[in-house]
Amino acid sequence: MTEDSGTKKIRKTEAEWRALLTPEQFHIMRQKGTEPAFTGALYQNHEDGIYHCACCGAELFQSDMKYDSGSGWPSFWLPVSADAVEAHEDKSHGMRRIEVTCARCDAHLGHIFPDGPRPTGMRYCINSASLQFEGKK
């Protein structure tokens, strides 16, 4: 693992990511895949705590910013901090969307949509496989 000075980006080889992640996580987080709706382990999680990046452990979302969007994936109206995630234009699959990645390791997390609740109006639609949940102690 190497870290770029200043940006604190985590860089690993494809082999290192494959060794760290399950095949499903690797497909989603490193190859920009998605899990089927309503199947993720954290989709219906209602415990208090923090959602971390499954690749690097960075804090991404708090449970009090999670809501049931009915989409089939964990949905949040705001990340834990402004610099926790990054947004990128995604023109794959004949659509125009905004991809969400982990700011620290560039892992694909999901997409952002402008149909969420107040106060942000945003829906961060995130794959369960991209997240690790840490409940409050």
N, C-alpha and C. Protein backbone atom coordinates (compact mmCIF):
# COMPACT_ATOMS: atom_id res chain seq x y z
N MET A 1 0.86 -1.18 0.00
CA MET A 1 0.00 0.00 0.00
C MET A 1 0.89 1.23 0.00
N THR A 2 0.55 2.19 -0.84
CA THR A 2 1.28 3.46 -0.85
C THR A 2 0.30 4.59 -0.61
N GLU A 3 0.82 5.67 -0.12
CA GLU A 3 -0.02 6.82 0.16
C GLU A 3 0.63 8.04 -0.49
N ASP A 4 -0.15 8.79 -1.28
CA ASP A 4 0.36 10.01 -1.88
C ASP A 4 0.44 11.10 -0.83
N SER A 5 1.56 11.78 -0.71
CA SER A 5 1.67 12.84 0.28
C SER A 5 0.76 14.00 -0.09
N GLY A 6 0.13 14.55 0.91
CA GLY A 6 -0.76 15.69 0.70
C GLY A 6 -2.20 15.28 0.47
N THR A 7 -2.45 14.32 -0.43
CA THR A 7 -3.82 13.93 -0.73
C THR A 7 -4.30 12.79 0.17
N LYS A 8 -3.40 12.06 0.78
CA LYS A 8 -3.72 10.93 1.64
C LYS A 8 -4.51 9.85 0.90
N LYS A 9 -4.28 9.74 -0.40
CA LYS A 9 -4.92 8.70 -1.21
C LYS A 9 -4.26 7.37 -0.94
N ILE A 10 -5.06 6.35 -0.83
CA ILE A 10 -4.56 4.99 -0.66
C ILE A 10 -4.55 4.34 -2.04
N ARG A 11 -3.41 3.80 -2.42
CA ARG A 11 -3.25 3.13 -3.71
C ARG A 11 -2.79 1.71 -3.47
N LYS A 12 -3.45 0.76 -4.13
CA LYS A 12 -3.05 -0.64 -4.07
C LYS A 12 -3.13 -1.21 -5.47
N THR A 13 -2.42 -2.28 -5.68
CA THR A 13 -2.49 -2.97 -6.97
C THR A 13 -3.81 -3.74 -7.04
N GLU A 14 -4.16 -4.15 -8.24
CA GLU A 14 -5.37 -4.95 -8.41
C GLU A 14 -5.27 -6.23 -7.57
N ALA A 15 -4.12 -6.85 -7.56
CA ALA A 15 -3.92 -8.08 -6.77
C ALA A 15 -4.11 -7.82 -5.28
N GLU A 16 -3.62 -6.69 -4.79
CA GLU A 16 -3.80 -6.36 -3.37
C GLU A 16 -5.27 -6.15 -3.03
N TRP A 17 -6.01 -5.44 -3.91
CA TRP A 17 -7.45 -5.25 -3.67
C TRP A 17 -8.18 -6.59 -3.71
N ARG A 18 -7.84 -7.46 -4.67
CA ARG A 18 -8.50 -8.77 -4.77
C ARG A 18 -8.27 -9.61 -3.51
N ALA A 19 -7.08 -9.51 -2.93
CA ALA A 19 -6.77 -10.27 -1.72
C ALA A 19 -7.53 -9.73 -0.51
N LEU A 20 -7.83 -8.46 -0.51
CA LEU A 20 -8.50 -7.80 0.62
C LEU A 20 -10.01 -7.94 0.58
N LEU A 21 -10.59 -7.95 -0.61
CA LEU A 21 -12.05 -7.88 -0.77
C LEU A 21 -12.64 -9.22 -1.20
N THR A 22 -13.94 -9.39 -0.93
CA THR A 22 -14.65 -10.55 -1.46
C THR A 22 -14.80 -10.33 -2.97
N PRO A 23 -15.10 -11.39 -3.73
CA PRO A 23 -15.33 -11.20 -5.17
C PRO A 23 -16.44 -10.18 -5.46
N GLU A 24 -17.52 -10.20 -4.67
CA GLU A 24 -18.60 -9.22 -4.87
C GLU A 24 -18.11 -7.80 -4.59
N GLN A 25 -17.39 -7.61 -3.49
CA GLN A 25 -16.87 -6.28 -3.16
C GLN A 25 -15.90 -5.80 -4.24
N PHE A 26 -15.03 -6.68 -4.72
CA PHE A 26 -14.08 -6.28 -5.75
C PHE A 26 -14.83 -5.83 -7.01
N HIS A 27 -15.82 -6.60 -7.42
CA HIS A 27 -16.61 -6.24 -8.61
C HIS A 27 -17.28 -4.89 -8.44
N ILE A 28 -17.87 -4.64 -7.29
CA ILE A 28 -18.58 -3.39 -7.06
C ILE A 28 -17.62 -2.23 -6.86
N MET A 29 -16.67 -2.38 -5.96
CA MET A 29 -15.84 -1.25 -5.54
C MET A 29 -14.68 -0.93 -6.48
N ARG A 30 -14.14 -1.94 -7.16
CA ARG A 30 -12.99 -1.68 -8.02
C ARG A 30 -13.35 -1.72 -9.50
N GLN A 31 -14.48 -2.39 -9.85
CA GLN A 31 -14.89 -2.48 -11.25
C GLN A 31 -16.21 -1.74 -11.53
N LYS A 32 -16.68 -0.98 -10.55
CA LYS A 32 -17.87 -0.14 -10.68
C LYS A 32 -19.15 -0.92 -10.95
N GLY A 33 -19.26 -2.06 -10.29
CA GLY A 33 -20.47 -2.87 -10.41
C GLY A 33 -21.55 -2.40 -9.45
N THR A 34 -22.62 -3.18 -9.36
CA THR A 34 -23.68 -2.90 -8.40
C THR A 34 -24.28 -4.21 -7.92
N GLU A 35 -24.81 -4.18 -6.72
CA GLU A 35 -25.49 -5.36 -6.19
C GLU A 35 -26.97 -5.27 -6.56
N PRO A 36 -27.67 -6.39 -6.66
CA PRO A 36 -29.10 -6.33 -6.95
C PRO A 36 -29.86 -5.58 -5.85
N ALA A 37 -30.87 -4.84 -6.23
CA ALA A 37 -31.68 -4.09 -5.27
C ALA A 37 -32.30 -5.04 -4.24
N PHE A 38 -32.44 -4.54 -3.03
CA PHE A 38 -33.10 -5.25 -1.93
C PHE A 38 -32.35 -6.49 -1.46
N THR A 39 -31.07 -6.64 -1.79
CA THR A 39 -30.32 -7.82 -1.39
C THR A 39 -29.17 -7.53 -0.43
N GLY A 40 -28.75 -6.30 -0.31
CA GLY A 40 -27.58 -5.97 0.49
C GLY A 40 -27.79 -6.15 1.98
N ALA A 41 -26.75 -6.58 2.67
CA ALA A 41 -26.80 -6.85 4.11
C ALA A 41 -27.16 -5.61 4.93
N LEU A 42 -26.83 -4.42 4.46
CA LEU A 42 -27.07 -3.20 5.25
C LEU A 42 -28.28 -2.41 4.78
N TYR A 43 -28.98 -2.91 3.79
CA TYR A 43 -30.14 -2.19 3.26
C TYR A 43 -31.15 -1.87 4.35
N GLN A 44 -31.46 -2.83 5.20
CA GLN A 44 -32.46 -2.60 6.24
C GLN A 44 -31.85 -2.45 7.63
N ASN A 45 -30.58 -2.11 7.70
CA ASN A 45 -29.93 -1.88 8.99
C ASN A 45 -30.46 -0.58 9.60
N HIS A 46 -30.95 -0.66 10.84
CA HIS A 46 -31.48 0.52 11.52
C HIS A 46 -30.74 0.82 12.81
N GLU A 47 -29.58 0.23 12.99
CA GLU A 47 -28.79 0.46 14.20
C GLU A 47 -28.08 1.82 14.12
N ASP A 48 -27.76 2.38 15.30
CA ASP A 48 -26.99 3.62 15.36
C ASP A 48 -25.51 3.31 15.20
N GLY A 49 -24.84 4.13 14.39
CA GLY A 49 -23.41 3.94 14.20
C GLY A 49 -22.89 4.65 12.97
N ILE A 50 -21.75 4.20 12.51
CA ILE A 50 -21.04 4.81 11.38
C ILE A 50 -20.84 3.76 10.30
N TYR A 51 -21.02 4.18 9.05
CA TYR A 51 -20.76 3.35 7.88
C TYR A 51 -19.39 3.74 7.33
N HIS A 52 -18.52 2.74 7.20
CA HIS A 52 -17.15 2.94 6.73
C HIS A 52 -16.98 2.35 5.34
N CYS A 53 -15.96 2.81 4.62
CA CYS A 53 -15.59 2.23 3.34
C CYS A 53 -15.05 0.82 3.58
N ALA A 54 -15.57 -0.16 2.84
CA ALA A 54 -15.13 -1.55 2.99
C ALA A 54 -13.71 -1.76 2.46
N CYS A 55 -13.21 -0.85 1.63
CA CYS A 55 -11.84 -0.98 1.12
C CYS A 55 -10.81 -0.44 2.10
N CYS A 56 -11.04 0.76 2.62
CA CYS A 56 -9.99 1.42 3.40
C CYS A 56 -10.39 1.80 4.82
N GLY A 57 -11.65 1.64 5.19
CA GLY A 57 -12.09 1.94 6.54
C GLY A 57 -12.44 3.39 6.82
N ALA A 58 -12.37 4.24 5.82
CA ALA A 58 -12.70 5.66 6.02
C ALA A 58 -14.16 5.81 6.44
N GLU A 59 -14.43 6.76 7.34
CA GLU A 59 -15.80 7.06 7.73
C GLU A 59 -16.50 7.75 6.58
N LEU A 60 -17.69 7.25 6.21
CA LEU A 60 -18.42 7.80 5.07
C LEU A 60 -19.78 8.40 5.43
N PHE A 61 -20.58 7.66 6.19
CA PHE A 61 -21.95 8.09 6.50
C PHE A 61 -22.30 7.75 7.95
N GLN A 62 -23.15 8.57 8.56
CA GLN A 62 -23.68 8.31 9.89
C GLN A 62 -25.08 7.73 9.77
N SER A 63 -25.44 6.90 10.73
CA SER A 63 -26.76 6.27 10.69
C SER A 63 -27.90 7.27 10.76
N ASP A 64 -27.69 8.42 11.42
CA ASP A 64 -28.79 9.39 11.52
C ASP A 64 -29.01 10.16 10.21
N MET A 65 -28.20 9.90 9.21
CA MET A 65 -28.39 10.50 7.89
C MET A 65 -28.88 9.46 6.87
N LYS A 66 -29.20 8.26 7.36
CA LYS A 66 -29.72 7.18 6.53
C LYS A 66 -31.24 7.22 6.56
N TYR A 67 -31.84 6.89 5.44
CA TYR A 67 -33.31 6.85 5.38
C TYR A 67 -33.74 5.78 4.39
N ASP A 68 -35.00 5.38 4.47
CA ASP A 68 -35.54 4.37 3.56
C ASP A 68 -36.08 5.07 2.32
N SER A 69 -35.34 4.98 1.24
CA SER A 69 -35.73 5.64 -0.01
C SER A 69 -36.65 4.77 -0.85
N GLY A 70 -36.75 3.48 -0.48
CA GLY A 70 -37.54 2.55 -1.28
C GLY A 70 -36.81 2.07 -2.53
N SER A 71 -35.56 2.46 -2.70
CA SER A 71 -34.79 2.13 -3.90
C SER A 71 -34.19 0.73 -3.88
N GLY A 72 -34.03 0.16 -2.68
CA GLY A 72 -33.43 -1.16 -2.57
C GLY A 72 -31.97 -1.14 -2.15
N TRP A 73 -31.41 0.04 -1.94
CA TRP A 73 -30.03 0.19 -1.48
C TRP A 73 -30.01 1.13 -0.28
N PRO A 74 -28.99 1.02 0.59
CA PRO A 74 -28.87 1.99 1.66
C PRO A 74 -28.80 3.40 1.07
N SER A 75 -29.58 4.31 1.63
CA SER A 75 -29.63 5.68 1.12
C SER A 75 -29.37 6.66 2.25
N PHE A 76 -28.59 7.68 1.92
CA PHE A 76 -28.21 8.71 2.89
C PHE A 76 -28.45 10.08 2.26
N TRP A 77 -28.77 11.06 3.09
CA TRP A 77 -29.00 12.40 2.55
C TRP A 77 -27.77 13.29 2.65
N LEU A 78 -26.70 12.79 3.31
CA LEU A 78 -25.48 13.57 3.45
C LEU A 78 -24.35 12.66 3.92
N PRO A 79 -23.13 12.84 3.40
CA PRO A 79 -22.00 12.07 3.92
C PRO A 79 -21.56 12.63 5.28
N VAL A 80 -20.68 11.90 5.96
CA VAL A 80 -20.21 12.28 7.28
C VAL A 80 -19.45 13.61 7.27
N SER A 81 -18.79 13.93 6.15
CA SER A 81 -18.10 15.21 6.00
C SER A 81 -18.02 15.55 4.51
N ALA A 82 -17.77 16.79 4.21
CA ALA A 82 -17.72 17.26 2.82
C ALA A 82 -16.60 16.59 2.03
N ASP A 83 -15.54 16.17 2.72
CA ASP A 83 -14.41 15.55 2.00
C ASP A 83 -14.35 14.03 2.14
N ALA A 84 -15.42 13.40 2.63
CA ALA A 84 -15.43 11.94 2.78
C ALA A 84 -15.62 11.22 1.45
N VAL A 85 -16.42 11.80 0.56
CA VAL A 85 -16.70 11.19 -0.74
C VAL A 85 -16.44 12.19 -1.85
N GLU A 86 -16.29 11.66 -3.06
CA GLU A 86 -16.12 12.50 -4.24
C GLU A 86 -17.19 12.14 -5.26
N ALA A 87 -17.56 13.09 -6.08
CA ALA A 87 -18.57 12.89 -7.11
C ALA A 87 -17.93 13.00 -8.48
N HIS A 88 -18.34 12.10 -9.41
CA HIS A 88 -17.79 12.08 -10.75
C HIS A 88 -18.91 11.82 -11.75
N GLU A 89 -18.83 12.44 -12.90
CA GLU A 89 -19.82 12.17 -13.94
C GLU A 89 -19.67 10.73 -14.43
N ASP A 90 -20.80 10.05 -14.61
CA ASP A 90 -20.81 8.66 -15.05
C ASP A 90 -21.76 8.56 -16.24
N LYS A 91 -21.21 8.25 -17.41
CA LYS A 91 -22.01 8.13 -18.63
C LYS A 91 -22.14 6.67 -19.08
N SER A 92 -21.90 5.73 -18.16
CA SER A 92 -21.97 4.31 -18.51
C SER A 92 -23.42 3.84 -18.65
N HIS A 93 -23.58 2.73 -19.30
CA HIS A 93 -24.89 2.07 -19.47
C HIS A 93 -25.93 2.97 -20.14
N GLY A 94 -25.48 3.88 -20.99
CA GLY A 94 -26.40 4.75 -21.72
C GLY A 94 -27.13 5.75 -20.85
N MET A 95 -26.63 5.99 -19.65
CA MET A 95 -27.25 6.94 -18.72
C MET A 95 -26.25 8.03 -18.35
N ARG A 96 -26.77 9.10 -17.80
CA ARG A 96 -25.93 10.16 -17.28
C ARG A 96 -26.25 10.29 -15.79
N ARG A 97 -25.27 9.89 -14.98
CA ARG A 97 -25.45 9.90 -13.53
C ARG A 97 -24.23 10.49 -12.86
N ILE A 98 -24.33 10.65 -11.55
CA ILE A 98 -23.19 11.11 -10.76
C ILE A 98 -22.76 9.96 -9.85
N GLU A 99 -21.54 9.49 -10.09
CA GLU A 99 -20.97 8.40 -9.30
C GLU A 99 -20.42 8.95 -7.99
N VAL A 100 -20.52 8.16 -6.93
CA VAL A 100 -19.93 8.49 -5.63
C VAL A 100 -18.78 7.54 -5.38
N THR A 101 -17.61 8.08 -5.04
CA THR A 101 -16.45 7.26 -4.69
C THR A 101 -15.91 7.68 -3.33
N CYS A 102 -15.19 6.78 -2.69
CA CYS A 102 -14.50 7.10 -1.44
C CYS A 102 -13.38 8.07 -1.77
N ALA A 103 -13.31 9.16 -1.04
CA ALA A 103 -12.28 10.17 -1.31
C ALA A 103 -10.88 9.65 -0.99
N ARG A 104 -10.77 8.67 -0.11
CA ARG A 104 -9.45 8.19 0.30
C ARG A 104 -8.89 7.11 -0.62
N CYS A 105 -9.74 6.19 -1.13
CA CYS A 105 -9.19 5.07 -1.92
C CYS A 105 -9.83 4.94 -3.30
N ASP A 106 -10.71 5.87 -3.66
CA ASP A 106 -11.38 5.89 -4.97
C ASP A 106 -12.30 4.69 -5.21
N ALA A 107 -12.72 4.00 -4.17
CA ALA A 107 -13.64 2.87 -4.34
C ALA A 107 -15.00 3.37 -4.81
N HIS A 108 -15.59 2.66 -5.76
CA HIS A 108 -16.95 2.96 -6.20
C HIS A 108 -17.91 2.59 -5.07
N LEU A 109 -18.78 3.55 -4.71
CA LEU A 109 -19.75 3.32 -3.65
C LEU A 109 -21.17 3.21 -4.19
N GLY A 110 -21.50 4.04 -5.15
CA GLY A 110 -22.85 4.09 -5.70
C GLY A 110 -23.03 5.36 -6.51
N HIS A 111 -24.22 5.95 -6.41
CA HIS A 111 -24.54 7.17 -7.18
C HIS A 111 -25.34 8.15 -6.33
N ILE A 112 -25.31 9.42 -6.73
CA ILE A 112 -26.08 10.48 -6.07
C ILE A 112 -27.22 10.88 -7.01
N PHE A 113 -28.41 11.07 -6.41
CA PHE A 113 -29.57 11.51 -7.17
C PHE A 113 -30.22 12.69 -6.45
N PRO A 114 -30.78 13.64 -7.20
CA PRO A 114 -31.37 14.84 -6.59
C PRO A 114 -32.83 14.65 -6.19
N ASP A 115 -33.16 13.49 -5.61
CA ASP A 115 -34.55 13.22 -5.22
C ASP A 115 -34.66 12.80 -3.75
N GLY A 116 -33.72 13.25 -2.94
CA GLY A 116 -33.71 12.88 -1.53
C GLY A 116 -34.50 13.83 -0.66
N PRO A 117 -34.52 13.56 0.64
CA PRO A 117 -35.28 14.38 1.58
C PRO A 117 -34.56 15.68 1.95
N ARG A 118 -35.27 16.53 2.60
CA ARG A 118 -34.67 17.75 3.15
C ARG A 118 -33.72 17.35 4.27
N PRO A 119 -32.71 18.09 4.57
CA PRO A 119 -32.46 19.44 4.09
C PRO A 119 -31.64 19.51 2.81
N THR A 120 -31.03 18.39 2.36
CA THR A 120 -30.14 18.47 1.19
C THR A 120 -30.86 18.20 -0.12
N GLY A 121 -31.91 17.40 -0.09
CA GLY A 121 -32.59 17.01 -1.31
C GLY A 121 -31.82 15.98 -2.12
N MET A 122 -30.76 15.43 -1.53
CA MET A 122 -29.92 14.47 -2.23
C MET A 122 -30.13 13.07 -1.69
N ARG A 123 -29.96 12.08 -2.58
CA ARG A 123 -30.01 10.66 -2.20
C ARG A 123 -28.69 10.02 -2.61
N TYR A 124 -27.87 9.72 -1.62
CA TYR A 124 -26.64 8.96 -1.86
C TYR A 124 -27.04 7.50 -1.80
N CYS A 125 -27.16 6.88 -2.96
CA CYS A 125 -27.62 5.51 -3.12
C CYS A 125 -26.38 4.62 -3.16
N ILE A 126 -26.14 3.87 -2.07
CA ILE A 126 -24.85 3.22 -1.85
C ILE A 126 -25.01 1.70 -1.78
N ASN A 127 -24.13 0.97 -2.42
CA ASN A 127 -24.11 -0.49 -2.35
C ASN A 127 -23.72 -0.94 -0.93
N SER A 128 -24.49 -1.87 -0.36
CA SER A 128 -24.15 -2.43 0.95
C SER A 128 -22.76 -3.04 0.96
N ALA A 129 -22.39 -3.70 -0.13
CA ALA A 129 -21.08 -4.35 -0.21
C ALA A 129 -19.93 -3.36 -0.14
N SER A 130 -20.20 -2.09 -0.38
CA SER A 130 -19.16 -1.06 -0.31
C SER A 130 -18.96 -0.54 1.11
N LEU A 131 -19.80 -0.99 2.02
CA LEU A 131 -19.80 -0.44 3.37
C LEU A 131 -19.49 -1.49 4.43
N GLN A 132 -18.90 -1.02 5.52
CA GLN A 132 -18.75 -1.80 6.76
C GLN A 132 -19.42 -0.96 7.82
N PHE A 133 -20.27 -1.57 8.63
CA PHE A 133 -20.98 -0.84 9.66
C PHE A 133 -20.34 -1.06 11.03
N GLU A 134 -20.17 0.03 11.76
CA GLU A 134 -19.67 -0.03 13.14
C GLU A 134 -20.73 0.58 14.03
N GLY A 135 -21.38 -0.26 14.83
CA GLY A 135 -22.43 0.21 15.74
C GLY A 135 -21.85 1.02 16.88
N LYS A 136 -22.69 1.89 17.46
CA LYS A 136 -22.26 2.68 18.63
C LYS A 136 -22.04 1.74 19.80
N LYS A 137 -21.02 2.05 20.53
CA LYS A 137 -20.67 1.21 21.69
C LYS A 137 -21.35 1.69 22.94
